[in-house]
Amino acid sequence: EININGMTVTEVKGYGRQKGHTELYRGAEYNIDFLP
């Protein structure tokens, strides 16, 4: 809307204050530290 039309976008993963979360996969618990 302010005529900024060019940018580069990258999918990254990060770790900070969110501290990730825990997920269950096939009955095992995994810590997901790096969030998308």
PDB file of all heavy atoms in Angstrom:
ATOM      1  N   GLU A   1       0.815  -1.220   0.000  1.00  0.00           N
ATOM      2  CA  GLU A   1       0.000   0.000   0.000  1.00  0.00           C
ATOM      3  C   GLU A   1       0.847   1.268   0.000  1.00  0.00           C
ATOM      4  O   GLU A   1       0.369   2.322  -0.401  1.00  0.00           O
ATOM      5  CB  GLU A   1      -0.958  -0.014   1.196  1.00  0.00           C
ATOM      6  CG  GLU A   1      -2.071  -1.027   1.062  1.00  0.00           C
ATOM      7  CD  GLU A   1      -2.959  -1.095   2.290  1.00  0.00           C
ATOM      8  OE1 GLU A   1      -2.839  -0.229   3.186  1.00  0.00           O
ATOM      9  OE2 GLU A   1      -3.770  -2.036   2.350  1.00  0.00           O
ATOM     10  N   ILE A   2       2.106   1.176   0.462  1.00  0.00           N
ATOM     11  CA  ILE A   2       2.997   2.344   0.406  1.00  0.00           C
ATOM     12  C   ILE A   2       4.088   2.129  -0.650  1.00  0.00           C
ATOM     13  O   ILE A   2       5.177   2.693  -0.571  1.00  0.00           O
ATOM     14  CB  ILE A   2       3.608   2.679   1.786  1.00  0.00           C
ATOM     15  CG1 ILE A   2       4.488   1.558   2.310  1.00  0.00           C
ATOM     16  CG2 ILE A   2       2.532   3.058   2.771  1.00  0.00           C
ATOM     17  CD1 ILE A   2       5.417   1.980   3.424  1.00  0.00           C
ATOM     18  N   ASN A   3       3.776   1.281  -1.645  1.00  0.00           N
ATOM     19  CA  ASN A   3       4.656   1.024  -2.789  1.00  0.00           C
ATOM     20  C   ASN A   3       5.977   0.363  -2.431  1.00  0.00           C
ATOM     21  O   ASN A   3       6.987   0.608  -3.090  1.00  0.00           O
ATOM     22  CB  ASN A   3       4.893   2.301  -3.598  1.00  0.00           C
ATOM     23  CG  ASN A   3       3.634   2.782  -4.266  1.00  0.00           C
ATOM     24  OD1 ASN A   3       2.839   1.970  -4.743  1.00  0.00           O
ATOM     25  ND2 ASN A   3       3.427   4.081  -4.270  1.00  0.00           N
ATOM     26  N   ILE A   4       5.981  -0.474  -1.411  1.00  0.00           N
ATOM     27  CA  ILE A   4       7.134  -1.332  -1.129  1.00  0.00           C
ATOM     28  C   ILE A   4       6.744  -2.700  -1.668  1.00  0.00           C
ATOM     29  O   ILE A   4       5.972  -3.422  -1.052  1.00  0.00           O
ATOM     30  CB  ILE A   4       7.452  -1.412   0.384  1.00  0.00           C
ATOM     31  CG1 ILE A   4       7.674  -0.029   0.970  1.00  0.00           C
ATOM     32  CG2 ILE A   4       8.637  -2.333   0.633  1.00  0.00           C
ATOM     33  CD1 ILE A   4       8.892   0.700   0.451  1.00  0.00           C
ATOM     34  N   ASN A   5       7.256  -3.032  -2.846  1.00  0.00           N
ATOM     35  CA  ASN A   5       6.818  -4.239  -3.525  1.00  0.00           C
ATOM     36  C   ASN A   5       7.890  -5.314  -3.621  1.00  0.00           C
ATOM     37  O   ASN A   5       7.590  -6.438  -3.965  1.00  0.00           O
ATOM     38  CB  ASN A   5       6.313  -3.901  -4.930  1.00  0.00           C
ATOM     39  CG  ASN A   5       5.109  -2.992  -4.872  1.00  0.00           C
ATOM     40  OD1 ASN A   5       4.169  -3.267  -4.158  1.00  0.00           O
ATOM     41  ND2 ASN A   5       5.149  -1.897  -5.600  1.00  0.00           N
ATOM     42  N   GLY A   6       9.135  -4.971  -3.351  1.00  0.00           N
ATOM     43  CA  GLY A   6      10.200  -5.954  -3.458  1.00  0.00           C
ATOM     44  C   GLY A   6      10.681  -6.399  -2.094  1.00  0.00           C
ATOM     45  O   GLY A   6      10.939  -5.581  -1.214  1.00  0.00           O
ATOM     46  N   MET A   7      10.750  -7.706  -1.905  1.00  0.00           N
ATOM     47  CA  MET A   7      11.267  -8.242  -0.650  1.00  0.00           C
ATOM     48  C   MET A   7      11.736  -9.662  -0.898  1.00  0.00           C
ATOM     49  O   MET A   7      11.321 -10.302  -1.861  1.00  0.00           O
ATOM     50  CB  MET A   7      10.215  -8.212   0.453  1.00  0.00           C
ATOM     51  CG  MET A   7       9.039  -9.120   0.231  1.00  0.00           C
ATOM     52  SD  MET A   7       7.863  -9.183   1.599  1.00  0.00           S
ATOM     53  CE  MET A   7       7.193  -7.544   1.576  1.00  0.00           C
ATOM     54  N   THR A   8      12.609 -10.125  -0.025  1.00  0.00           N
ATOM     55  CA  THR A   8      13.040 -11.513  -0.041  1.00  0.00           C
ATOM     56  C   THR A   8      12.470 -12.170   1.200  1.00  0.00           C
ATOM     57  O   THR A   8      12.562 -11.619   2.298  1.00  0.00           O
ATOM     58  CB  THR A   8      14.579 -11.607  -0.042  1.00  0.00           C
ATOM     59  OG1 THR A   8      15.087 -10.932  -1.184  1.00  0.00           O
ATOM     60  CG2 THR A   8      15.042 -13.048  -0.056  1.00  0.00           C
ATOM     61  N   VAL A   9      11.864 -13.339   1.028  1.00  0.00           N
ATOM     62  CA  VAL A   9      11.229 -14.046   2.136  1.00  0.00           C
ATOM     63  C   VAL A   9      11.868 -15.427   2.254  1.00  0.00           C
ATOM     64  O   VAL A   9      12.004 -16.135   1.262  1.00  0.00           O
ATOM     65  CB  VAL A   9       9.709 -14.179   1.900  1.00  0.00           C
ATOM     66  CG1 VAL A   9       9.060 -14.985   2.996  1.00  0.00           C
ATOM     67  CG2 VAL A   9       9.077 -12.805   1.783  1.00  0.00           C
ATOM     68  N   THR A  10      12.253 -15.767   3.479  1.00  0.00           N
ATOM     69  CA  THR A  10      12.893 -17.050   3.746  1.00  0.00           C
ATOM     70  C   THR A  10      12.188 -17.728   4.913  1.00  0.00           C
ATOM     71  O   THR A  10      11.870 -17.068   5.902  1.00  0.00           O
ATOM     72  CB  THR A  10      14.382 -16.848   4.125  1.00  0.00           C
ATOM     73  OG1 THR A  10      15.008 -15.999   3.166  1.00  0.00           O
ATOM     74  CG2 THR A  10      15.117 -18.162   4.181  1.00  0.00           C
ATOM     75  N   GLU A  11      11.961 -19.024   4.790  1.00  0.00           N
ATOM     76  CA  GLU A  11      11.430 -19.789   5.916  1.00  0.00           C
ATOM     77  C   GLU A  11      12.606 -20.144   6.814  1.00  0.00           C
ATOM     78  O   GLU A  11      13.592 -20.732   6.358  1.00  0.00           O
ATOM     79  CB  GLU A  11      10.735 -21.054   5.434  1.00  0.00           C
ATOM     80  CG  GLU A  11       9.470 -20.776   4.661  1.00  0.00           C
ATOM     81  CD  GLU A  11       8.780 -22.046   4.190  1.00  0.00           C
ATOM     82  OE1 GLU A  11       9.183 -23.155   4.600  1.00  0.00           O
ATOM     83  OE2 GLU A  11       7.834 -21.914   3.406  1.00  0.00           O
ATOM     84  N   VAL A  12      12.516 -19.752   8.082  1.00  0.00           N
ATOM     85  CA  VAL A  12      13.591 -20.002   9.041  1.00  0.00           C
ATOM     86  C   VAL A  12      13.000 -20.640  10.294  1.00  0.00           C
ATOM     87  O   VAL A  12      11.787 -20.741  10.438  1.00  0.00           O
ATOM     88  CB  VAL A  12      14.357 -18.698   9.396  1.00  0.00           C
ATOM     89  CG1 VAL A  12      15.067 -18.132   8.179  1.00  0.00           C
ATOM     90  CG2 VAL A  12      13.417 -17.660   9.999  1.00  0.00           C
ATOM     91  N   LYS A  13      13.874 -21.063  11.182  1.00  0.00           N
ATOM     92  CA  LYS A  13      13.441 -21.578  12.477  1.00  0.00           C
ATOM     93  C   LYS A  13      14.163 -20.800  13.554  1.00  0.00           C
ATOM     94  O   LYS A  13      15.308 -20.403  13.373  1.00  0.00           O
ATOM     95  CB  LYS A  13      13.740 -23.069  12.604  1.00  0.00           C
ATOM     96  CG  LYS A  13      12.912 -23.902  11.662  1.00  0.00           C
ATOM     97  CD  LYS A  13      13.115 -25.369  11.896  1.00  0.00           C
ATOM     98  CE  LYS A  13      12.208 -26.124  10.937  1.00  0.00           C
ATOM     99  NZ  LYS A  13      12.005 -27.477  11.362  1.00  0.00           N
ATOM    100  N   GLY A  14      13.482 -20.568  14.663  1.00  0.00           N
ATOM    101  CA  GLY A  14      14.079 -19.767  15.720  1.00  0.00           C
ATOM    102  C   GLY A  14      13.801 -20.313  17.100  1.00  0.00           C
ATOM    103  O   GLY A  14      12.864 -21.081  17.315  1.00  0.00           O
ATOM    104  N   TYR A  15      14.630 -19.880  18.021  1.00  0.00           N
ATOM    105  CA  TYR A  15      14.513 -20.274  19.417  1.00  0.00           C
ATOM    106  C   TYR A  15      14.683 -19.022  20.256  1.00  0.00           C
ATOM    107  O   TYR A  15      15.634 -18.268  20.071  1.00  0.00           O
ATOM    108  CB  TYR A  15      15.595 -21.296  19.760  1.00  0.00           C
ATOM    109  CG  TYR A  15      15.591 -21.715  21.206  1.00  0.00           C
ATOM    110  CD1 TYR A  15      14.747 -22.718  21.650  1.00  0.00           C
ATOM    111  CD2 TYR A  15      16.430 -21.113  22.126  1.00  0.00           C
ATOM    112  CE1 TYR A  15      14.747 -23.121  22.966  1.00  0.00           C
ATOM    113  CE2 TYR A  15      16.435 -21.493  23.454  1.00  0.00           C
ATOM    114  CZ  TYR A  15      15.595 -22.503  23.870  1.00  0.00           C
ATOM    115  OH  TYR A  15      15.588 -22.876  25.173  1.00  0.00           O
ATOM    116  N   GLY A  16      13.750 -18.782  21.142  1.00  0.00           N
ATOM    117  CA  GLY A  16      13.840 -17.599  21.990  1.00  0.00           C
ATOM    118  C   GLY A  16      13.009 -17.791  23.235  1.00  0.00           C
ATOM    119  O   GLY A  16      12.989 -18.869  23.819  1.00  0.00           O
ATOM    120  N   ARG A  17      12.300 -16.764  23.619  1.00  0.00           N
ATOM    121  CA  ARG A  17      11.487 -16.817  24.834  1.00  0.00           C
ATOM    122  C   ARG A  17      10.331 -17.793  24.751  1.00  0.00           C
ATOM    123  O   ARG A  17       9.809 -18.234  25.754  1.00  0.00           O
ATOM    124  CB  ARG A  17      10.952 -15.428  25.168  1.00  0.00           C
ATOM    125  CG  ARG A  17      12.042 -14.508  25.646  1.00  0.00           C
ATOM    126  CD  ARG A  17      11.452 -13.223  26.128  1.00  0.00           C
ATOM    127  NE  ARG A  17      12.515 -12.328  26.553  1.00  0.00           N
ATOM    128  CZ  ARG A  17      12.343 -11.062  26.800  1.00  0.00           C
ATOM    129  NH1 ARG A  17      11.156 -10.524  26.662  1.00  0.00           N
ATOM    130  NH2 ARG A  17      13.355 -10.313  27.183  1.00  0.00           N
ATOM    131  N   GLN A  18       9.905 -18.126  23.540  1.00  0.00           N
ATOM    132  CA  GLN A  18       8.798 -19.074  23.398  1.00  0.00           C
ATOM    133  C   GLN A  18       9.171 -20.448  23.930  1.00  0.00           C
ATOM    134  O   GLN A  18       8.317 -21.202  24.343  1.00  0.00           O
ATOM    135  CB  GLN A  18       8.396 -19.210  21.922  1.00  0.00           C
ATOM    136  CG  GLN A  18       7.398 -18.183  21.482  1.00  0.00           C
ATOM    137  CD  GLN A  18       6.984 -18.411  20.058  1.00  0.00           C
ATOM    138  OE1 GLN A  18       7.791 -18.278  19.151  1.00  0.00           O
ATOM    139  NE2 GLN A  18       5.734 -18.765  19.854  1.00  0.00           N
ATOM    140  N   LYS A  19      10.422 -20.798  23.880  1.00  0.00           N
ATOM    141  CA  LYS A  19      10.963 -22.055  24.412  1.00  0.00           C
ATOM    142  C   LYS A  19      10.428 -23.307  23.730  1.00  0.00           C
ATOM    143  O   LYS A  19      10.574 -24.399  24.221  1.00  0.00           O
ATOM    144  CB  LYS A  19      10.704 -22.175  25.926  1.00  0.00           C
ATOM    145  CG  LYS A  19      11.210 -21.023  26.737  1.00  0.00           C
ATOM    146  CD  LYS A  19      12.693 -21.105  26.934  1.00  0.00           C
ATOM    147  CE  LYS A  19      13.132 -20.096  27.968  1.00  0.00           C
ATOM    148  NZ  LYS A  19      14.135 -19.201  27.553  1.00  0.00           N
ATOM    149  N   GLY A  20       9.807 -23.153  22.585  1.00  0.00           N
ATOM    150  CA  GLY A  20       9.320 -24.326  21.866  1.00  0.00           C
ATOM    151  C   GLY A  20       8.109 -24.959  22.525  1.00  0.00           C
ATOM    152  O   GLY A  20       7.440 -24.356  23.352  1.00  0.00           O
ATOM    153  N   HIS A  21       7.848 -26.207  22.163  1.00  0.00           N
ATOM    154  CA  HIS A  21       6.725 -26.940  22.725  1.00  0.00           C
ATOM    155  C   HIS A  21       6.980 -28.441  22.593  1.00  0.00           C
ATOM    156  O   HIS A  21       7.944 -28.864  21.978  1.00  0.00           O
ATOM    157  CB  HIS A  21       5.408 -26.533  22.053  1.00  0.00           C
ATOM    158  CG  HIS A  21       5.377 -26.809  20.586  1.00  0.00           C
ATOM    159  ND1 HIS A  21       5.916 -25.973  19.654  1.00  0.00           N
ATOM    160  CD2 HIS A  21       4.871 -27.860  19.887  1.00  0.00           C
ATOM    161  CE1 HIS A  21       5.754 -26.471  18.445  1.00  0.00           C
ATOM    162  NE2 HIS A  21       5.123 -27.616  18.555  1.00  0.00           N
ATOM    163  N   THR A  22       6.095 -29.243  23.160  1.00  0.00           N
ATOM    164  CA  THR A  22       6.221 -30.701  23.126  1.00  0.00           C
ATOM    165  C   THR A  22       5.147 -31.274  22.216  1.00  0.00           C
ATOM    166  O   THR A  22       4.010 -30.819  22.218  1.00  0.00           O
ATOM    167  CB  THR A  22       6.063 -31.272  24.554  1.00  0.00           C
ATOM    168  OG1 THR A  22       7.001 -30.641  25.399  1.00  0.00           O
ATOM    169  CG2 THR A  22       6.302 -32.752  24.581  1.00  0.00           C
ATOM    170  N   GLU A  23       5.529 -32.262  21.408  1.00  0.00           N
ATOM    171  CA  GLU A  23       4.572 -32.934  20.529  1.00  0.00           C
ATOM    172  C   GLU A  23       4.658 -34.430  20.729  1.00  0.00           C
ATOM    173  O   GLU A  23       5.712 -34.962  21.084  1.00  0.00           O
ATOM    174  CB  GLU A  23       4.869 -32.609  19.054  1.00  0.00           C
ATOM    175  CG  GLU A  23       4.509 -31.209  18.655  1.00  0.00           C
ATOM    176  CD  GLU A  23       4.671 -30.978  17.163  1.00  0.00           C
ATOM    177  OE1 GLU A  23       5.006 -31.921  16.431  1.00  0.00           O
ATOM    178  OE2 GLU A  23       4.456 -29.829  16.748  1.00  0.00           O
ATOM    179  N   LEU A  24       3.540 -35.119  20.503  1.00  0.00           N
ATOM    180  CA  LEU A  24       3.508 -36.575  20.542  1.00  0.00           C
ATOM    181  C   LEU A  24       3.547 -37.108  19.122  1.00  0.00           C
ATOM    182  O   LEU A  24       2.821 -36.629  18.241  1.00  0.00           O
ATOM    183  CB  LEU A  24       2.232 -37.069  21.223  1.00  0.00           C
ATOM    184  CG  LEU A  24       2.197 -36.974  22.737  1.00  0.00           C
ATOM    185  CD1 LEU A  24       0.814 -37.362  23.250  1.00  0.00           C
ATOM    186  CD2 LEU A  24       3.250 -37.861  23.358  1.00  0.00           C
ATOM    187  N   TYR A  25       4.420 -38.095  18.882  1.00  0.00           N
ATOM    188  CA  TYR A  25       4.502 -38.723  17.568  1.00  0.00           C
ATOM    189  C   TYR A  25       4.672 -40.214  17.791  1.00  0.00           C
ATOM    190  O   TYR A  25       5.659 -40.661  18.388  1.00  0.00           O
ATOM    191  CB  TYR A  25       5.667 -38.156  16.762  1.00  0.00           C
ATOM    192  CG  TYR A  25       5.826 -38.789  15.410  1.00  0.00           C
ATOM    193  CD1 TYR A  25       4.912 -38.533  14.394  1.00  0.00           C
ATOM    194  CD2 TYR A  25       6.869 -39.667  15.155  1.00  0.00           C
ATOM    195  CE1 TYR A  25       5.040 -39.117  13.152  1.00  0.00           C
ATOM    196  CE2 TYR A  25       7.016 -40.263  13.909  1.00  0.00           C
ATOM    197  CZ  TYR A  25       6.097 -39.983  12.912  1.00  0.00           C
ATOM    198  OH  TYR A  25       6.218 -40.574  11.678  1.00  0.00           O
ATOM    199  N   ARG A  26       3.687 -40.995  17.368  1.00  0.00           N
ATOM    200  CA  ARG A  26       3.681 -42.452  17.534  1.00  0.00           C
ATOM    201  C   ARG A  26       3.929 -42.865  18.982  1.00  0.00           C
ATOM    202  O   ARG A  26       4.711 -43.751  19.284  1.00  0.00           O
ATOM    203  CB  ARG A  26       4.707 -43.096  16.616  1.00  0.00           C
ATOM    204  CG  ARG A  26       4.359 -42.929  15.160  1.00  0.00           C
ATOM    205  CD  ARG A  26       5.265 -43.725  14.286  1.00  0.00           C
ATOM    206  NE  ARG A  26       4.858 -43.558  12.893  1.00  0.00           N
ATOM    207  CZ  ARG A  26       5.430 -44.183  11.902  1.00  0.00           C
ATOM    208  NH1 ARG A  26       6.428 -45.008  12.113  1.00  0.00           N
ATOM    209  NH2 ARG A  26       5.010 -43.982  10.672  1.00  0.00           N
ATOM    210  N   GLY A  27       3.299 -42.146  19.876  1.00  0.00           N
ATOM    211  CA  GLY A  27       3.359 -42.483  21.283  1.00  0.00           C
ATOM    212  C   GLY A  27       4.581 -41.952  22.017  1.00  0.00           C
ATOM    213  O   GLY A  27       4.680 -42.081  23.225  1.00  0.00           O
ATOM    214  N   ALA A  28       5.515 -41.348  21.309  1.00  0.00           N
ATOM    215  CA  ALA A  28       6.710 -40.790  21.954  1.00  0.00           C
ATOM    216  C   ALA A  28       6.592 -39.278  22.011  1.00  0.00           C
ATOM    217  O   ALA A  28       6.033 -38.640  21.113  1.00  0.00           O
ATOM    218  CB  ALA A  28       7.966 -41.189  21.182  1.00  0.00           C
ATOM    219  N   GLU A  29       7.140 -38.715  23.066  1.00  0.00           N
ATOM    220  CA  GLU A  29       7.081 -37.266  23.263  1.00  0.00           C
ATOM    221  C   GLU A  29       8.373 -36.624  22.754  1.00  0.00           C
ATOM    222  O   GLU A  29       9.471 -37.084  23.058  1.00  0.00           O
ATOM    223  CB  GLU A  29       6.908 -36.984  24.762  1.00  0.00           C
ATOM    224  CG  GLU A  29       6.445 -35.594  25.063  1.00  0.00           C
ATOM    225  CD  GLU A  29       6.087 -35.437  26.533  1.00  0.00           C
ATOM    226  OE1 GLU A  29       4.939 -35.754  26.902  1.00  0.00           O
ATOM    227  OE2 GLU A  29       6.971 -35.005  27.289  1.00  0.00           O
ATOM    228  N   TYR A  30       8.238 -35.560  21.959  1.00  0.00           N
ATOM    229  CA  TYR A  30       9.400 -34.870  21.397  1.00  0.00           C
ATOM    230  C   TYR A  30       9.336 -33.391  21.754  1.00  0.00           C
ATOM    231  O   TYR A  30       8.272 -32.781  21.704  1.00  0.00           O
ATOM    232  CB  TYR A  30       9.415 -34.989  19.862  1.00  0.00           C
ATOM    233  CG  TYR A  30       9.675 -36.390  19.374  1.00  0.00           C
ATOM    234  CD1 TYR A  30       8.615 -37.240  19.099  1.00  0.00           C
ATOM    235  CD2 TYR A  30      10.973 -36.856  19.199  1.00  0.00           C
ATOM    236  CE1 TYR A  30       8.827 -38.525  18.654  1.00  0.00           C
ATOM    237  CE2 TYR A  30      11.200 -38.140  18.759  1.00  0.00           C
ATOM    238  CZ  TYR A  30      10.136 -38.970  18.483  1.00  0.00           C
ATOM    239  OH  TYR A  30      10.359 -40.254  18.048  1.00  0.00           O
ATOM    240  N   ASN A  31      10.480 -32.827  22.094  1.00  0.00           N
ATOM    241  CA  ASN A  31      10.572 -31.385  22.317  1.00  0.00           C
ATOM    242  C   ASN A  31      10.888 -30.706  20.995  1.00  0.00           C
ATOM    243  O   ASN A  31      11.854 -31.072  20.320  1.00  0.00           O
ATOM    244  CB  ASN A  31      11.677 -31.047  23.330  1.00  0.00           C
ATOM    245  CG  ASN A  31      11.257 -31.351  24.735  1.00  0.00           C
ATOM    246  OD1 ASN A  31      10.076 -31.291  25.057  1.00  0.00           O
ATOM    247  ND2 ASN A  31      12.210 -31.674  25.574  1.00  0.00           N
ATOM    248  N   ILE A  32      10.086 -29.743  20.631  1.00  0.00           N
ATOM    249  CA  ILE A  32      10.318 -28.947  19.433  1.00  0.00           C
ATOM    250  C   ILE A  32      10.859 -27.606  19.910  1.00  0.00           C
ATOM    251  O   ILE A  32      10.096 -26.752  20.366  1.00  0.00           O
ATOM    252  CB  ILE A  32       9.019 -28.749  18.614  1.00  0.00           C
ATOM    253  CG1 ILE A  32       8.333 -30.086  18.356  1.00  0.00           C
ATOM    254  CG2 ILE A  32       9.302 -28.001  17.332  1.00  0.00           C
ATOM    255  CD1 ILE A  32       9.113 -31.057  17.511  1.00  0.00           C
ATOM    256  N   ASP A  33      12.182 -27.450  19.853  1.00  0.00           N
ATOM    257  CA  ASP A  33      12.809 -26.227  20.355  1.00  0.00           C
ATOM    258  C   ASP A  33      12.741 -25.089  19.340  1.00  0.00           C
ATOM    259  O   ASP A  33      12.461 -23.961  19.682  1.00  0.00           O
ATOM    260  CB  ASP A  33      14.271 -26.480  20.719  1.00  0.00           C
ATOM    261  CG  ASP A  33      14.414 -27.379  21.936  1.00  0.00           C
ATOM    262  OD1 ASP A  33      13.494 -27.379  22.768  1.00  0.00           O
ATOM    263  OD2 ASP A  33      15.428 -28.076  22.032  1.00  0.00           O
ATOM    264  N   PHE A  34      13.034 -25.401  18.083  1.00  0.00           N
ATOM    265  CA  PHE A  34      13.078 -24.367  17.058  1.00  0.00           C
ATOM    266  C   PHE A  34      11.719 -24.281  16.378  1.00  0.00           C
ATOM    267  O   PHE A  34      11.242 -25.242  15.788  1.00  0.00           O
ATOM    268  CB  PHE A  34      14.171 -24.676  16.029  1.00  0.00           C
ATOM    269  CG  PHE A  34      15.550 -24.546  16.608  1.00  0.00           C
ATOM    270  CD1 PHE A  34      16.221 -25.644  17.098  1.00  0.00           C
ATOM    271  CD2 PHE A  34      16.160 -23.307  16.676  1.00  0.00           C
ATOM    272  CE1 PHE A  34      17.486 -25.520  17.640  1.00  0.00           C
ATOM    273  CE2 PHE A  34      17.421 -23.166  17.221  1.00  0.00           C
ATOM    274  CZ  PHE A  34      18.080 -24.276  17.702  1.00  0.00           C
ATOM    275  N   LEU A  35      11.120 -23.098  16.471  1.00  0.00           N
ATOM    276  CA  LEU A  35       9.786 -22.893  15.916  1.00  0.00           C
ATOM    277  C   LEU A  35       9.877 -22.234  14.548  1.00  0.00           C
ATOM    278  O   LEU A  35      10.778 -21.425  14.295  1.00  0.00           O
ATOM    279  CB  LEU A  35       8.976 -22.016  16.869  1.00  0.00           C
ATOM    280  CG  LEU A  35       8.766 -22.618  18.247  1.00  0.00           C
ATOM    281  CD1 LEU A  35       8.092 -21.616  19.164  1.00  0.00           C
ATOM    282  CD2 LEU A  35       7.951 -23.891  18.163  1.00  0.00           C
ATOM    283  N   PRO A  36       8.944 -22.535  13.638  1.00  0.00           N
ATOM    284  CA  PRO A  36       8.981 -21.939  12.303  1.00  0.00           C
ATOM    285  C   PRO A  36       8.705 -20.437  12.354  1.00  0.00           C
ATOM    286  O   PRO A  36       7.810 -19.977  13.068  1.00  0.00           O
ATOM    287  CB  PRO A  36       7.886 -22.676  11.545  1.00  0.00           C
ATOM    288  CG  PRO A  36       7.025 -23.293  12.579  1.00  0.00           C
ATOM    289  CD  PRO A  36       7.847 -23.468  13.816  1.00  0.00           C
TER     290      PRO A  36
END
